[in-house]
PDB file of N, CA and C in Angstrom:
ATOM      1  N   MET A   1      32.250  35.807  12.799  1.00  0.00           N
ATOM      2  CA  MET A   1      30.890  35.025  13.157  1.00  0.00           C
ATOM      3  C   MET A   1      30.004  34.309  12.032  1.00  0.00           C
ATOM      4  N   THR A   2      30.150  33.418  13.647  1.00  0.00           N
ATOM      5  CA  THR A   2      29.075  31.978  12.466  1.00  0.00           C
ATOM      6  C   THR A   2      27.484  31.821  12.677  1.00  0.00           C
ATOM      7  N   ALA A   3      27.848  31.391  11.196  1.00  0.00           N
ATOM      8  CA  ALA A   3      25.964  31.628  10.826  1.00  0.00           C
ATOM      9  C   ALA A   3      25.286  31.041  12.396  1.00  0.00           C
ATOM     10  N   VAL A   4      24.329  31.272  12.288  1.00  0.00           N
ATOM     11  CA  VAL A   4      23.073  30.440  13.474  1.00  0.00           C
ATOM     12  C   VAL A   4      23.054  29.165  13.241  1.00  0.00           C
ATOM     13  N   TRP A   5      23.562  28.060  11.872  1.00  0.00           N
ATOM     14  CA  TRP A   5      22.655  27.045  11.714  1.00  0.00           C
ATOM     15  C   TRP A   5      24.382  26.334  11.746  1.00  0.00           C
ATOM     16  N   LYS A   6      25.116  26.851  11.667  1.00  0.00           N
ATOM     17  CA  LYS A   6      26.301  26.156  11.819  1.00  0.00           C
ATOM     18  C   LYS A   6      26.665  25.964  13.797  1.00  0.00           C
ATOM     19  N   ALA A   7      26.141  26.835  14.178  1.00  0.00           N
ATOM     20  CA  ALA A   7      26.249  27.332  15.302  1.00  0.00           C
ATOM     21  C   ALA A   7      25.899  25.851  16.822  1.00  0.00           C
ATOM     22  N   ALA A   8      24.977  26.016  15.280  1.00  0.00           N
ATOM     23  CA  ALA A   8      23.742  24.963  16.417  1.00  0.00           C
ATOM     24  C   ALA A   8      24.196  22.958  15.799  1.00  0.00           C
ATOM     25  N   GLY A   9      25.193  23.274  14.677  1.00  0.00           N
ATOM     26  CA  GLY A   9      25.127  22.472  14.527  1.00  0.00           C
ATOM     27  C   GLY A   9      24.767  21.131  13.546  1.00  0.00           C
ATOM     28  N   LEU A  10      24.366  21.935  12.559  1.00  0.00           N
ATOM     29  CA  LEU A  10      23.079  21.334  11.360  1.00  0.00           C
ATOM     30  C   LEU A  10      24.125  21.742  10.055  1.00  0.00           C
ATOM     31  N   THR A  11      24.236  21.115   9.044  1.00  0.00           N
ATOM     32  CA  THR A  11      24.792  20.938   7.587  1.00  0.00           C
ATOM     33  C   THR A  11      23.759  21.981   7.722  1.00  0.00           C
ATOM     34  N   TYR A  12      24.316  22.263   5.937  1.00  0.00           N
ATOM     35  CA  TYR A  12      23.585  24.391   5.019  1.00  0.00           C
ATOM     36  C   TYR A  12      22.726  23.051   4.553  1.00  0.00           C
ATOM     37  N   ASN A  13      22.814  22.301   4.126  1.00  0.00           N
ATOM     38  CA  ASN A  13      21.865  21.163   3.248  1.00  0.00           C
ATOM     39  C   ASN A  13      20.313  21.131   4.878  1.00  0.00           C
ATOM     40  N   ARG A  14      20.573  20.021   5.580  1.00  0.00           N
ATOM     41  CA  ARG A  14      20.191  20.196   6.860  1.00  0.00           C
ATOM     42  C   ARG A  14      18.897  21.536   7.642  1.00  0.00           C
ATOM     43  N   TYR A  15      19.665  21.711   6.990  1.00  0.00           N
ATOM     44  CA  TYR A  15      19.208  24.006   8.245  1.00  0.00           C
ATOM     45  C   TYR A  15      18.270  23.624   6.320  1.00  0.00           C
ATOM     46  N   LEU A  16      18.992  24.097   5.323  1.00  0.00           N
ATOM     47  CA  LEU A  16      17.807  24.079   4.093  1.00  0.00           C
ATOM     48  C   LEU A  16      16.073  23.510   4.049  1.00  0.00           C
ATOM     49  N   ALA A  17      16.588  22.057   4.469  1.00  0.00           N
ATOM     50  CA  ALA A  17      15.724  21.065   4.350  1.00  0.00           C
ATOM     51  C   ALA A  17      14.460  21.323   5.739  1.00  0.00           C
ATOM     52  N   ILE A  18      15.035  21.627   7.170  1.00  0.00           N
ATOM     53  CA  ILE A  18      13.493  21.802   7.859  1.00  0.00           C
ATOM     54  C   ILE A  18      13.226  23.335   7.714  1.00  0.00           C
ATOM     55  N   ALA A  19      14.062  24.533   6.816  1.00  0.00           N
ATOM     56  CA  ALA A  19      13.313  25.451   6.581  1.00  0.00           C
ATOM     57  C   ALA A  19      12.667  26.096   5.542  1.00  0.00           C
ATOM     58  N   ALA A  20      12.655  24.739   4.947  1.00  0.00           N
ATOM     59  CA  ALA A  20      11.852  24.282   3.830  1.00  0.00           C
ATOM     60  C   ALA A  20      10.355  23.679   4.519  1.00  0.00           C
ATOM     61  N   ARG A  21      10.972  22.755   5.440  1.00  0.00           N
ATOM     62  CA  ARG A  21       9.000  22.051   5.613  1.00  0.00           C
ATOM     63  C   ARG A  21       8.745  23.231   6.446  1.00  0.00           C
ATOM     64  N   ALA A  22       9.742  23.634   6.961  1.00  0.00           N
ATOM     65  CA  ALA A  22       8.692  24.749   7.868  1.00  0.00           C
ATOM     66  C   ALA A  22       7.624  26.529   7.141  1.00  0.00           C
ATOM     67  N   ALA A  23       8.245  26.919   6.420  1.00  0.00           N
ATOM     68  CA  ALA A  23       7.469  27.057   4.978  1.00  0.00           C
ATOM     69  C   ALA A  23       6.178  27.022   4.304  1.00  0.00           C
ATOM     70  N   ARG A  24       5.934  24.973   4.074  1.00  0.00           N
ATOM     71  CA  ARG A  24       5.326  24.161   3.746  1.00  0.00           C
ATOM     72  C   ARG A  24       3.896  23.994   4.433  1.00  0.00           C
ATOM     73  N   ARG A  25       4.971  23.560   5.706  1.00  0.00           N
ATOM     74  CA  ARG A  25       4.083  23.397   6.712  1.00  0.00           C
ATOM     75  C   ARG A  25       2.527  24.904   7.027  1.00  0.00           C
ATOM     76  N   SER A  26       3.584  26.233   7.195  1.00  0.00           N
ATOM     77  CA  SER A  26       2.727  27.395   7.068  1.00  0.00           C
ATOM     78  C   SER A  26       1.895  27.434   5.908  1.00  0.00           C
ATOM     79  N   LEU A  27       1.579  27.070   5.151  1.00  0.00           N
ATOM     80  CA  LEU A  27       0.772  26.636   3.820  1.00  0.00           C
ATOM     81  C   LEU A  27      -0.402  26.581   4.406  1.00  0.00           C
ATOM     82  N   LYS A  28      -1.739  27.588   3.352  1.00  0.00           N
ATOM     83  CA  LYS A  28      -2.531  27.232   3.490  1.00  0.00           C
ATOM     84  C   LYS A  28      -3.122  25.249   2.472  1.00  0.00           C
ATOM     85  N   GLU A  29      -3.323  24.500   3.487  1.00  0.00           N
ATOM     86  CA  GLU A  29      -4.077  23.010   3.095  1.00  0.00           C
ATOM     87  C   GLU A  29      -3.987  22.743   1.674  1.00  0.00           C
ATOM     88  N   ASP A  30      -4.719  23.321   0.808  1.00  0.00           N
ATOM     89  CA  ASP A  30      -4.473  23.340  -0.532  1.00  0.00           C
ATOM     90  C   ASP A  30      -3.430  23.140  -1.188  1.00  0.00           C
ATOM     91  N   LYS A  31      -2.622  24.468  -0.968  1.00  0.00           N
ATOM     92  CA  LYS A  31      -1.309  24.631  -0.952  1.00  0.00           C
ATOM     93  C   LYS A  31      -0.233  23.782  -0.027  1.00  0.00           C
ATOM     94  N   ARG A  32      -0.177  23.311   0.336  1.00  0.00           N
ATOM     95  CA  ARG A  32       0.333  22.783   1.693  1.00  0.00           C
ATOM     96  C   ARG A  32       0.797  21.526   0.417  1.00  0.00           C
ATOM     97  N   ILE A  33      -0.427  20.613   0.732  1.00  0.00           N
ATOM     98  CA  ILE A  33      -0.697  19.232   0.130  1.00  0.00           C
ATOM     99  C   ILE A  33       0.923  19.355  -1.216  1.00  0.00           C
ATOM    100  N   LEU A  34       0.058  20.333  -2.154  1.00  0.00           N
ATOM    101  CA  LEU A  34       1.073  20.916  -3.335  1.00  0.00           C
ATOM    102  C   LEU A  34       2.456  20.474  -3.297  1.00  0.00           C
ATOM    103  N   ALA A  35       3.173  21.200  -1.980  1.00  0.00           N
ATOM    104  CA  ALA A  35       4.097  21.892  -1.586  1.00  0.00           C
ATOM    105  C   ALA A  35       4.899  20.605  -1.185  1.00  0.00           C
ATOM    106  N   GLU A  36       4.361  19.910  -0.036  1.00  0.00           N
ATOM    107  CA  GLU A  36       4.800  18.558  -0.036  1.00  0.00           C
ATOM    108  C   GLU A  36       4.826  17.282  -1.088  1.00  0.00           C
ATOM    109  N   ARG A  37       4.694  17.355  -1.588  1.00  0.00           N
ATOM    110  CA  ARG A  37       4.615  16.676  -3.003  1.00  0.00           C
ATOM    111  C   ARG A  37       5.890  16.818  -3.053  1.00  0.00           C
ATOM    112  N   ARG A  38       6.838  18.513  -3.395  1.00  0.00           N
ATOM    113  CA  ARG A  38       7.368  18.026  -4.341  1.00  0.00           C
ATOM    114  C   ARG A  38       8.715  18.451  -3.720  1.00  0.00           C
ATOM    115  N   GLY A  39       8.475  18.586  -2.505  1.00  0.00           N
ATOM    116  CA  GLY A  39       9.414  18.172  -1.488  1.00  0.00           C
ATOM    117  C   GLY A  39       9.734  17.052  -1.487  1.00  0.00           C
ATOM    118  N   GLU A  40       9.360  15.781  -1.823  1.00  0.00           N
ATOM    119  CA  GLU A  40       9.652  14.445  -1.356  1.00  0.00           C
ATOM    120  C   GLU A  40      10.474  13.401  -2.269  1.00  0.00           C
ATOM    121  N   THR A  41      11.253  13.396  -2.222  1.00  0.00           N
ATOM    122  CA  THR A  41      12.316  12.325  -2.765  1.00  0.00           C
ATOM    123  C   THR A  41      12.427  10.678  -3.574  1.00  0.00           C
ATOM    124  N   ASP A  42      12.840  10.615  -4.628  1.00  0.00           N
ATOM    125  CA  ASP A  42      13.178   8.942  -4.698  1.00  0.00           C
ATOM    126  C   ASP A  42      14.250   9.128  -5.504  1.00  0.00           C
ATOM    127  N   LEU A  43      15.210   8.099  -4.682  1.00  0.00           N
ATOM    128  CA  LEU A  43      16.777   8.993  -5.278  1.00  0.00           C
ATOM    129  C   LEU A  43      16.715   6.948  -6.024  1.00  0.00           C
ATOM    130  N   LYS A  44      17.369   7.027  -6.941  1.00  0.00           N
ATOM    131  CA  LYS A  44      18.148   5.288  -7.785  1.00  0.00           C
ATOM    132  C   LYS A  44      19.954   5.863  -8.235  1.00  0.00           C
ATOM    133  N   PHE A  45      19.796   4.305  -8.107  1.00  0.00           N
ATOM    134  CA  PHE A  45      21.456   3.889  -8.665  1.00  0.00           C
ATOM    135  C   PHE A  45      21.537   3.131  -9.484  1.00  0.00           C
ATOM    136  N   SER A  46      22.278   3.111 -10.056  1.00  0.00           N
ATOM    137  CA  SER A  46      22.506   1.726 -11.596  1.00  0.00           C
ATOM    138  C   SER A  46      24.346   1.814 -10.917  1.00  0.00           C
ATOM    139  N   LYS A  47      24.666   0.158 -10.814  1.00  0.00           N
ATOM    140  CA  LYS A  47      25.860   0.024 -11.282  1.00  0.00           C
ATOM    141  C   LYS A  47      26.406  -0.107 -11.888  1.00  0.00           C
ATOM    142  N   TRP A  48      27.592   0.166 -12.637  1.00  0.00           N
ATOM    143  CA  TRP A  48      28.111   0.560 -14.043  1.00  0.00           C
ATOM    144  C   TRP A  48      29.311  -1.041 -13.905  1.00  0.00           C
ATOM    145  N   GLN A  49      29.439  -2.088 -15.038  1.00  0.00           N
ATOM    146  CA  GLN A  49      30.512  -2.258 -15.437  1.00  0.00           C
ATOM    147  C   GLN A  49      30.222  -3.104 -17.260  1.00  0.00           C
ATOM    148  N   ASN A  50      31.819  -2.707 -16.725  1.00  0.00           N
ATOM    149  CA  ASN A  50      32.151  -2.549 -18.417  1.00  0.00           C
ATOM    150  C   ASN A  50      31.310  -1.462 -19.265  1.00  0.00           C
ATOM    151  N   GLY A  51      31.475  -0.069 -18.704  1.00  0.00           N
ATOM    152  CA  GLY A  51      31.013   1.039 -19.282  1.00  0.00           C
ATOM    153  C   GLY A  51      29.697   1.150 -19.527  1.00  0.00           C
ATOM    154  N   LYS A  52      28.556  -0.095 -19.249  1.00  0.00           N
ATOM    155  CA  LYS A  52      27.572   0.119 -19.371  1.00  0.00           C
ATOM    156  C   LYS A  52      26.849  -0.226 -18.073  1.00  0.00           C
ATOM    157  N   ALA A  53      25.842   0.462 -17.916  1.00  0.00           N
ATOM    158  CA  ALA A  53      24.615   0.646 -17.061  1.00  0.00           C
ATOM    159  C   ALA A  53      23.929  -0.239 -16.464  1.00  0.00           C
ATOM    160  N   GLY A  54      24.039  -0.773 -15.413  1.00  0.00           N
ATOM    161  CA  GLY A  54      22.694  -1.823 -14.759  1.00  0.00           C
ATOM    162  C   GLY A  54      21.348  -1.604 -14.722  1.00  0.00           C
ATOM    163  N   GLU A  55      20.814  -1.775 -14.807  1.00  0.00           N
ATOM    164  CA  GLU A  55      18.984  -2.274 -14.031  1.00  0.00           C
ATOM    165  C   GLU A  55      19.195  -0.848 -12.862  1.00  0.00           C
ATOM    166  N   ALA A  56      18.565   0.299 -12.941  1.00  0.00           N
ATOM    167  CA  ALA A  56      18.197   1.142 -12.085  1.00  0.00           C
ATOM    168  C   ALA A  56      18.317   0.611 -10.893  1.00  0.00           C
ATOM    169  N   GLN A  57      18.086   1.012 -10.236  1.00  0.00           N
ATOM    170  CA  GLN A  57      17.469   0.707  -8.507  1.00  0.00           C
ATOM    171  C   GLN A  57      17.088   1.742  -7.673  1.00  0.00           C
ATOM    172  N   ASN A  58      15.918   1.563  -6.492  1.00  0.00           N
ATOM    173  CA  ASN A  58      15.793   2.663  -6.038  1.00  0.00           C
ATOM    174  C   ASN A  58      16.295   2.465  -4.808  1.00  0.00           C
ATOM    175  N   LEU A  59      17.252   3.400  -4.810  1.00  0.00           N
ATOM    176  CA  LEU A  59      18.046   3.401  -3.167  1.00  0.00           C
ATOM    177  C   LEU A  59      17.839   2.839  -1.137  1.00  0.00           C
ATOM    178  N   GLU A  60      16.925   3.768  -0.661  1.00  0.00           N
ATOM    179  CA  GLU A  60      15.585   2.806   0.248  1.00  0.00           C
ATOM    180  C   GLU A  60      15.527   1.684   0.249  1.00  0.00           C
ATOM    181  N   LYS A  61      15.160   0.737  -0.825  1.00  0.00           N
ATOM    182  CA  LYS A  61      14.822  -0.657  -1.095  1.00  0.00           C
ATOM    183  C   LYS A  61      16.101  -1.160  -1.051  1.00  0.00           C
ATOM    184  N   ALA A  62      17.422  -0.440  -2.085  1.00  0.00           N
ATOM    185  CA  ALA A  62      18.304  -1.348  -1.696  1.00  0.00           C
ATOM    186  C   ALA A  62      18.924  -1.209  -0.981  1.00  0.00           C
ATOM    187  N   ASN A  63      19.267  -0.501   0.263  1.00  0.00           N
ATOM    188  CA  ASN A  63      19.700  -0.501   1.071  1.00  0.00           C
ATOM    189  C   ASN A  63      19.389  -1.130   2.536  1.00  0.00           C
ATOM    190  N   THR A  64      17.269  -0.701   2.738  1.00  0.00           N
ATOM    191  CA  THR A  64      16.703  -1.709   3.596  1.00  0.00           C
ATOM    192  C   THR A  64      17.349  -3.244   3.370  1.00  0.00           C
ATOM    193  N   ALA A  65      17.528  -4.017   1.917  1.00  0.00           N
ATOM    194  CA  ALA A  65      17.862  -5.346   1.488  1.00  0.00           C
ATOM    195  C   ALA A  65      19.141  -5.446   1.767  1.00  0.00           C
ATOM    196  N   ALA A  66      19.984  -4.397   1.442  1.00  0.00           N
ATOM    197  CA  ALA A  66      21.301  -5.213   2.263  1.00  0.00           C
ATOM    198  C   ALA A  66      22.243  -4.683   3.269  1.00  0.00           C
ATOM    199  N   MET A  67      21.068  -3.730   4.213  1.00  0.00           N
ATOM    200  CA  MET A  67      21.205  -4.283   5.726  1.00  0.00           C
ATOM    201  C   MET A  67      20.462  -5.195   6.724  1.00  0.00           C
ATOM    202  N   ALA A  68      18.757  -5.499   5.975  1.00  0.00           N
ATOM    203  CA  ALA A  68      19.128  -7.148   6.193  1.00  0.00           C
ATOM    204  C   ALA A  68      19.542  -7.575   6.519  1.00  0.00           C
ATOM    205  N   GLU A  69      19.697  -8.259   5.126  1.00  0.00           N
ATOM    206  CA  GLU A  69      21.160  -9.026   3.916  1.00  0.00           C
ATOM    207  C   GLU A  69      22.304  -9.278   5.445  1.00  0.00           C
ATOM    208  N   SER A  70      23.082  -8.186   5.384  1.00  0.00           N
ATOM    209  CA  SER A  70      24.185  -7.533   6.384  1.00  0.00           C
ATOM    210  C   SER A  70      23.659  -8.249   8.063  1.00  0.00           C
ATOM    211  N   ALA A  71      22.235  -8.575   8.354  1.00  0.00           N
ATOM    212  CA  ALA A  71      22.475  -8.928   9.510  1.00  0.00           C
ATOM    213  C   ALA A  71      21.628 -10.229  10.700  1.00  0.00           C
ATOM    214  N   SER A  72      21.916 -10.688   8.541  1.00  0.00           N
ATOM    215  CA  SER A  72      21.271 -12.170   9.112  1.00  0.00           C
ATOM    216  C   SER A  72      22.657 -12.611   9.141  1.00  0.00           C
TER     217      SER A  72
END
């Protein structure tokens, strides 16, 4: 028997994200705001050269800049 999330074409991580969002939205206003803040993510990355990490950069901003650069 296949799991419902798999039959729907979702990955397990996507299924968990949807379930967490539904749970957060069901909370009362004060608790919901705190829970939504915990659900936000901020990814950073560093390029490594010669065994040393470079400056940490925000992944979303770097991706947006790279997409704009490649489009022009």
